[in-house]
Amino acid sequence: VGWESADVEFIATRLSLVPMKGGKPPRKVVITQGCDPTVVAIRGHVTKYPVVALPKEKLVDTNGAGDAFV
């Protein structure tokens, strides 16, 4: 893409501004980062949501996709 950045908030912002085809509603970009805050971007506006740390024995990944919060 050529953004030359590893800044998650910057990337989420840019992705949220990519137009949708066919008059669909704006993109909603959600980036999870394990125990780091979840980043949500809509129309170029970023909101970060803290993740509450859980003990390892309370973690459950029912999808098996490796996307559980840690």
PDB file of N, CA and C in Angstrom:
ATOM      1  N   VAL A   1       0.827  -1.190   0.000  1.00  0.00           N
ATOM      2  CA  VAL A   1       0.000   0.000   0.000  1.00  0.00           C
ATOM      3  C   VAL A   1       0.867   1.248   0.000  1.00  0.00           C
ATOM      4  N   GLY A   2       2.079   1.145   0.547  1.00  0.00           N
ATOM      5  CA  GLY A   2       3.002   2.262   0.500  1.00  0.00           C
ATOM      6  C   GLY A   2       2.867   3.261   1.629  1.00  0.00           C
ATOM      7  N   TRP A   3       2.261   2.871   2.741  1.00  0.00           N
ATOM      8  CA  TRP A   3       2.109   3.805   3.851  1.00  0.00           C
ATOM      9  C   TRP A   3       3.371   3.890   4.689  1.00  0.00           C
ATOM     10  N   GLU A   4       4.260   2.914   4.588  1.00  0.00           N
ATOM     11  CA  GLU A   4       5.544   2.948   5.290  1.00  0.00           C
ATOM     12  C   GLU A   4       5.381   3.219   6.785  1.00  0.00           C
ATOM     13  N   SER A   5       4.406   2.567   7.418  1.00  0.00           N
ATOM     14  CA  SER A   5       4.168   2.798   8.839  1.00  0.00           C
ATOM     15  C   SER A   5       3.767   1.497   9.518  1.00  0.00           C
ATOM     16  N   ALA A   6       4.204   1.339  10.760  1.00  0.00           N
ATOM     17  CA  ALA A   6       3.775   0.205  11.584  1.00  0.00           C
ATOM     18  C   ALA A   6       2.824   0.691  12.678  1.00  0.00           C
ATOM     19  N   ASP A   7       2.430   1.972  12.614  1.00  0.00           N
ATOM     20  CA  ASP A   7       1.532   2.566  13.601  1.00  0.00           C
ATOM     21  C   ASP A   7       0.113   2.047  13.373  1.00  0.00           C
ATOM     22  N   VAL A   8      -0.383   1.252  14.301  1.00  0.00           N
ATOM     23  CA  VAL A   8      -1.682   0.592  14.148  1.00  0.00           C
ATOM     24  C   VAL A   8      -2.815   1.609  14.008  1.00  0.00           C
ATOM     25  N   GLU A   9      -2.780   2.682  14.778  1.00  0.00           N
ATOM     26  CA  GLU A   9      -3.837   3.697  14.685  1.00  0.00           C
ATOM     27  C   GLU A   9      -3.833   4.375  13.314  1.00  0.00           C
ATOM     28  N   PHE A  10      -2.655   4.675  12.799  1.00  0.00           N
ATOM     29  CA  PHE A  10      -2.541   5.279  11.470  1.00  0.00           C
ATOM     30  C   PHE A  10      -3.104   4.335  10.405  1.00  0.00           C
ATOM     31  N   ILE A  11      -2.729   3.074  10.473  1.00  0.00           N
ATOM     32  CA  ILE A  11      -3.187   2.092   9.486  1.00  0.00           C
ATOM     33  C   ILE A  11      -4.705   1.928   9.565  1.00  0.00           C
ATOM     34  N   ALA A  12      -5.249   1.822  10.776  1.00  0.00           N
ATOM     35  CA  ALA A  12      -6.698   1.689  10.943  1.00  0.00           C
ATOM     36  C   ALA A  12      -7.430   2.907  10.374  1.00  0.00           C
ATOM     37  N   THR A  13      -6.888   4.092  10.642  1.00  0.00           N
ATOM     38  CA  THR A  13      -7.496   5.318  10.120  1.00  0.00           C
ATOM     39  C   THR A  13      -7.533   5.299   8.604  1.00  0.00           C
ATOM     40  N   ARG A  14      -6.395   4.992   7.989  1.00  0.00           N
ATOM     41  CA  ARG A  14      -6.330   4.977   6.521  1.00  0.00           C
ATOM     42  C   ARG A  14      -7.268   3.935   5.924  1.00  0.00           C
ATOM     43  N   LEU A  15      -7.309   2.739   6.522  1.00  0.00           N
ATOM     44  CA  LEU A  15      -8.202   1.697   6.021  1.00  0.00           C
ATOM     45  C   LEU A  15      -9.663   2.123   6.126  1.00  0.00           C
ATOM     46  N   SER A  16     -10.020   2.820   7.193  1.00  0.00           N
ATOM     47  CA  SER A  16     -11.412   3.234   7.378  1.00  0.00           C
ATOM     48  C   SER A  16     -11.851   4.273   6.357  1.00  0.00           C
ATOM     49  N   LEU A  17     -10.890   4.938   5.727  1.00  0.00           N
ATOM     50  CA  LEU A  17     -11.206   5.964   4.728  1.00  0.00           C
ATOM     51  C   LEU A  17     -11.259   5.423   3.305  1.00  0.00           C
ATOM     52  N   VAL A  18     -10.943   4.138   3.113  1.00  0.00           N
ATOM     53  CA  VAL A  18     -11.034   3.533   1.785  1.00  0.00           C
ATOM     54  C   VAL A  18     -12.517   3.385   1.451  1.00  0.00           C
ATOM     55  N   PRO A  19     -12.976   3.963   0.341  1.00  0.00           N
ATOM     56  CA  PRO A  19     -14.405   3.921   0.031  1.00  0.00           C
ATOM     57  C   PRO A  19     -14.910   2.503  -0.248  1.00  0.00           C
ATOM     58  N   MET A  20     -16.151   2.274   0.122  1.00  0.00           N
ATOM     59  CA  MET A  20     -16.826   1.008  -0.175  1.00  0.00           C
ATOM     60  C   MET A  20     -17.469   1.131  -1.553  1.00  0.00           C
ATOM     61  N   LYS A  21     -17.587   0.014  -2.245  1.00  0.00           N
ATOM     62  CA  LYS A  21     -18.240   0.017  -3.557  1.00  0.00           C
ATOM     63  C   LYS A  21     -19.755  -0.076  -3.404  1.00  0.00           C
ATOM     64  N   GLY A  22     -20.453   0.420  -4.394  1.00  0.00           N
ATOM     65  CA  GLY A  22     -21.890   0.240  -4.464  1.00  0.00           C
ATOM     66  C   GLY A  22     -22.693   0.994  -3.423  1.00  0.00           C
ATOM     67  N   GLY A  23     -22.172   2.103  -2.913  1.00  0.00           N
ATOM     68  CA  GLY A  23     -22.927   2.904  -1.967  1.00  0.00           C
ATOM     69  C   GLY A  23     -23.120   2.259  -0.605  1.00  0.00           C
ATOM     70  N   LYS A  24     -22.283   1.282  -0.264  1.00  0.00           N
ATOM     71  CA  LYS A  24     -22.379   0.631   1.039  1.00  0.00           C
ATOM     72  C   LYS A  24     -21.954   1.604   2.140  1.00  0.00           C
ATOM     73  N   PRO A  25     -22.370   1.334   3.382  1.00  0.00           N
ATOM     74  CA  PRO A  25     -21.963   2.201   4.506  1.00  0.00           C
ATOM     75  C   PRO A  25     -20.439   2.218   4.669  1.00  0.00           C
ATOM     76  N   PRO A  26     -19.922   3.229   5.390  1.00  0.00           N
ATOM     77  CA  PRO A  26     -18.467   3.342   5.577  1.00  0.00           C
ATOM     78  C   PRO A  26     -17.871   2.109   6.254  1.00  0.00           C
ATOM     79  N   ARG A  27     -16.595   1.900   5.983  1.00  0.00           N
ATOM     80  CA  ARG A  27     -15.868   0.789   6.609  1.00  0.00           C
ATOM     81  C   ARG A  27     -15.753   0.990   8.112  1.00  0.00           C
ATOM     82  N   LYS A  28     -15.802  -0.123   8.812  1.00  0.00           N
ATOM     83  CA  LYS A  28     -15.528  -0.151  10.247  1.00  0.00           C
ATOM     84  C   LYS A  28     -14.333  -1.070  10.432  1.00  0.00           C
ATOM     85  N   VAL A  29     -13.216  -0.527  10.858  1.00  0.00           N
ATOM     86  CA  VAL A  29     -11.977  -1.280  10.989  1.00  0.00           C
ATOM     87  C   VAL A  29     -11.759  -1.590  12.465  1.00  0.00           C
ATOM     88  N   VAL A  30     -11.575  -2.876  12.775  1.00  0.00           N
ATOM     89  CA  VAL A  30     -11.320  -3.309  14.145  1.00  0.00           C
ATOM     90  C   VAL A  30     -10.025  -4.113  14.153  1.00  0.00           C
ATOM     91  N   ILE A  31      -9.055  -3.675  14.942  1.00  0.00           N
ATOM     92  CA  ILE A  31      -7.782  -4.373  15.037  1.00  0.00           C
ATOM     93  C   ILE A  31      -7.573  -4.784  16.491  1.00  0.00           C
ATOM     94  N   THR A  32      -7.558  -6.098  16.715  1.00  0.00           N
ATOM     95  CA  THR A  32      -7.275  -6.613  18.056  1.00  0.00           C
ATOM     96  C   THR A  32      -5.774  -6.819  18.181  1.00  0.00           C
ATOM     97  N   GLN A  33      -5.272  -6.666  19.400  1.00  0.00           N
ATOM     98  CA  GLN A  33      -3.826  -6.746  19.628  1.00  0.00           C
ATOM     99  C   GLN A  33      -3.504  -7.530  20.887  1.00  0.00           C
ATOM    100  N   GLY A  34      -4.229  -8.625  21.118  1.00  0.00           N
ATOM    101  CA  GLY A  34      -3.981  -9.408  22.325  1.00  0.00           C
ATOM    102  C   GLY A  34      -4.303  -8.604  23.557  1.00  0.00           C
ATOM    103  N   CYS A  35      -3.319  -8.412  24.449  1.00  0.00           N
ATOM    104  CA  CYS A  35      -3.562  -7.672  25.692  1.00  0.00           C
ATOM    105  C   CYS A  35      -3.447  -6.158  25.515  1.00  0.00           C
ATOM    106  N   ASP A  36      -3.025  -5.707  24.341  1.00  0.00           N
ATOM    107  CA  ASP A  36      -2.978  -4.267  24.064  1.00  0.00           C
ATOM    108  C   ASP A  36      -4.366  -3.790  23.634  1.00  0.00           C
ATOM    109  N   PRO A  37      -4.623  -2.481  23.702  1.00  0.00           N
ATOM    110  CA  PRO A  37      -5.963  -1.984  23.380  1.00  0.00           C
ATOM    111  C   PRO A  37      -6.434  -2.379  21.978  1.00  0.00           C
ATOM    112  N   THR A  38      -7.743  -2.623  21.867  1.00  0.00           N
ATOM    113  CA  THR A  38      -8.373  -2.863  20.569  1.00  0.00           C
ATOM    114  C   THR A  38      -8.579  -1.511  19.911  1.00  0.00           C
ATOM    115  N   VAL A  39      -8.230  -1.411  18.628  1.00  0.00           N
ATOM    116  CA  VAL A  39      -8.327  -0.158  17.891  1.00  0.00           C
ATOM    117  C   VAL A  39      -9.508  -0.262  16.928  1.00  0.00           C
ATOM    118  N   VAL A  40     -10.421   0.724  17.004  1.00  0.00           N
ATOM    119  CA  VAL A  40     -11.580   0.770  16.115  1.00  0.00           C
ATOM    120  C   VAL A  40     -11.530   2.097  15.372  1.00  0.00           C
ATOM    121  N   ALA A  41     -11.666   2.044  14.036  1.00  0.00           N
ATOM    122  CA  ALA A  41     -11.658   3.265  13.229  1.00  0.00           C
ATOM    123  C   ALA A  41     -12.879   3.268  12.314  1.00  0.00           C
ATOM    124  N   ILE A  42     -13.597   4.391  12.332  1.00  0.00           N
ATOM    125  CA  ILE A  42     -14.756   4.597  11.469  1.00  0.00           C
ATOM    126  C   ILE A  42     -14.667   6.016  10.925  1.00  0.00           C
ATOM    127  N   ARG A  43     -14.693   6.125   9.595  1.00  0.00           N
ATOM    128  CA  ARG A  43     -14.620   7.437   8.927  1.00  0.00           C
ATOM    129  C   ARG A  43     -13.428   8.265   9.383  1.00  0.00           C
ATOM    130  N   GLY A  44     -12.294   7.612   9.644  1.00  0.00           N
ATOM    131  CA  GLY A  44     -11.083   8.322  10.023  1.00  0.00           C
ATOM    132  C   GLY A  44     -10.978   8.666  11.493  1.00  0.00           C
ATOM    133  N   HIS A  45     -11.972   8.294  12.282  1.00  0.00           N
ATOM    134  CA  HIS A  45     -11.945   8.568  13.721  1.00  0.00           C
ATOM    135  C   HIS A  45     -11.581   7.286  14.460  1.00  0.00           C
ATOM    136  N   VAL A  46     -10.542   7.343  15.290  1.00  0.00           N
ATOM    137  CA  VAL A  46     -10.050   6.169  16.010  1.00  0.00           C
ATOM    138  C   VAL A  46     -10.489   6.213  17.468  1.00  0.00           C
ATOM    139  N   THR A  47     -10.948   5.064  17.961  1.00  0.00           N
ATOM    140  CA  THR A  47     -11.241   4.882  19.379  1.00  0.00           C
ATOM    141  C   THR A  47     -10.477   3.654  19.835  1.00  0.00           C
ATOM    142  N   LYS A  48      -9.857   3.751  21.015  1.00  0.00           N
ATOM    143  CA  LYS A  48      -9.137   2.607  21.570  1.00  0.00           C
ATOM    144  C   LYS A  48      -9.901   2.088  22.787  1.00  0.00           C
ATOM    145  N   TYR A  49     -10.016   0.754  22.867  1.00  0.00           N
ATOM    146  CA  TYR A  49     -10.717   0.116  23.968  1.00  0.00           C
ATOM    147  C   TYR A  49      -9.727  -0.751  24.742  1.00  0.00           C
ATOM    148  N   PRO A  50      -9.620  -0.507  26.046  1.00  0.00           N
ATOM    149  CA  PRO A  50      -8.678  -1.304  26.841  1.00  0.00           C
ATOM    150  C   PRO A  50      -9.142  -2.756  26.945  1.00  0.00           C
ATOM    151  N   VAL A  51      -8.188  -3.631  27.120  1.00  0.00           N
ATOM    152  CA  VAL A  51      -8.457  -5.059  27.292  1.00  0.00           C
ATOM    153  C   VAL A  51      -8.123  -5.415  28.737  1.00  0.00           C
ATOM    154  N   VAL A  52      -9.075  -6.049  29.395  1.00  0.00           N
ATOM    155  CA  VAL A  52      -8.869  -6.466  30.779  1.00  0.00           C
ATOM    156  C   VAL A  52      -8.095  -7.785  30.776  1.00  0.00           C
ATOM    157  N   ALA A  53      -6.967  -7.800  31.458  1.00  0.00           N
ATOM    158  CA  ALA A  53      -6.140  -9.015  31.508  1.00  0.00           C
ATOM    159  C   ALA A  53      -6.839 -10.087  32.338  1.00  0.00           C
ATOM    160  N   LEU A  54      -6.829 -11.304  31.822  1.00  0.00           N
ATOM    161  CA  LEU A  54      -7.398 -12.452  32.530  1.00  0.00           C
ATOM    162  C   LEU A  54      -6.288 -13.448  32.832  1.00  0.00           C
ATOM    163  N   PRO A  55      -6.459 -14.227  33.902  1.00  0.00           N
ATOM    164  CA  PRO A  55      -5.496 -15.297  34.150  1.00  0.00           C
ATOM    165  C   PRO A  55      -5.560 -16.316  33.008  1.00  0.00           C
ATOM    166  N   LYS A  56      -4.436 -16.945  32.715  1.00  0.00           N
ATOM    167  CA  LYS A  56      -4.342 -17.870  31.590  1.00  0.00           C
ATOM    168  C   LYS A  56      -5.422 -18.955  31.626  1.00  0.00           C
ATOM    169  N   GLU A  57      -5.778 -19.434  32.809  1.00  0.00           N
ATOM    170  CA  GLU A  57      -6.765 -20.511  32.917  1.00  0.00           C
ATOM    171  C   GLU A  57      -8.184 -20.048  32.569  1.00  0.00           C
ATOM    172  N   LYS A  58      -8.414 -18.742  32.475  1.00  0.00           N
ATOM    173  CA  LYS A  58      -9.740 -18.226  32.115  1.00  0.00           C
ATOM    174  C   LYS A  58      -9.870 -17.915  30.621  1.00  0.00           C
ATOM    175  N   LEU A  59      -8.781 -18.026  29.866  1.00  0.00           N
ATOM    176  CA  LEU A  59      -8.824 -17.745  28.431  1.00  0.00           C
ATOM    177  C   LEU A  59      -9.483 -18.894  27.686  1.00  0.00           C
ATOM    178  N   VAL A  60     -10.410 -18.544  26.786  1.00  0.00           N
ATOM    179  CA  VAL A  60     -11.088 -19.544  25.970  1.00  0.00           C
ATOM    180  C   VAL A  60     -11.113 -19.022  24.528  1.00  0.00           C
ATOM    181  N   ASP A  61     -10.623 -19.816  23.617  1.00  0.00           N
ATOM    182  CA  ASP A  61     -10.657 -19.466  22.192  1.00  0.00           C
ATOM    183  C   ASP A  61     -11.569 -20.473  21.511  1.00  0.00           C
ATOM    184  N   THR A  62     -12.867 -20.184  21.488  1.00  0.00           N
ATOM    185  CA  THR A  62     -13.842 -21.136  20.932  1.00  0.00           C
ATOM    186  C   THR A  62     -13.761 -21.239  19.420  1.00  0.00           C
ATOM    187  N   ASN A  63     -13.194 -20.236  18.759  1.00  0.00           N
ATOM    188  CA  ASN A  63     -13.041 -20.273  17.308  1.00  0.00           C
ATOM    189  C   ASN A  63     -11.876 -21.140  16.872  1.00  0.00           C
ATOM    190  N   GLY A  64     -10.854 -21.186  17.700  1.00  0.00           N
ATOM    191  CA  GLY A  64      -9.636 -21.880  17.297  1.00  0.00           C
ATOM    192  C   GLY A  64      -8.854 -21.086  16.258  1.00  0.00           C
ATOM    193  N   ALA A  65      -9.190 -19.811  16.116  1.00  0.00           N
ATOM    194  CA  ALA A  65      -8.528 -18.972  15.101  1.00  0.00           C
ATOM    195  C   ALA A  65      -7.381 -18.168  15.676  1.00  0.00           C
ATOM    196  N   GLY A  66      -7.109 -18.326  16.978  1.00  0.00           N
ATOM    197  CA  GLY A  66      -6.017 -17.603  17.591  1.00  0.00           C
ATOM    198  C   GLY A  66      -6.299 -16.146  17.843  1.00  0.00           C
ATOM    199  N   ASP A  67      -7.572 -15.772  17.831  1.00  0.00           N
ATOM    200  CA  ASP A  67      -7.897 -14.359  17.999  1.00  0.00           C
ATOM    201  C   ASP A  67      -8.423 -14.025  19.392  1.00  0.00           C
ATOM    202  N   ALA A  68      -8.161 -14.877  20.367  1.00  0.00           N
ATOM    203  CA  ALA A  68      -8.605 -14.608  21.739  1.00  0.00           C
ATOM    204  C   ALA A  68      -7.784 -13.471  22.330  1.00  0.00           C
ATOM    205  N   PHE A  69      -8.403 -12.700  23.192  1.00  0.00           N
ATOM    206  CA  PHE A  69      -7.686 -11.657  23.926  1.00  0.00           C
ATOM    207  C   PHE A  69      -6.889 -12.341  25.033  1.00  0.00           C
ATOM    208  N   VAL A  70      -5.664 -11.890  25.242  1.00  0.00           N
ATOM    209  CA  VAL A  70      -4.836 -12.476  26.306  1.00  0.00           C
ATOM    210  C   VAL A  70      -4.502 -11.442  27.342  1.00  0.00           C
TER     211      VAL A  70
END
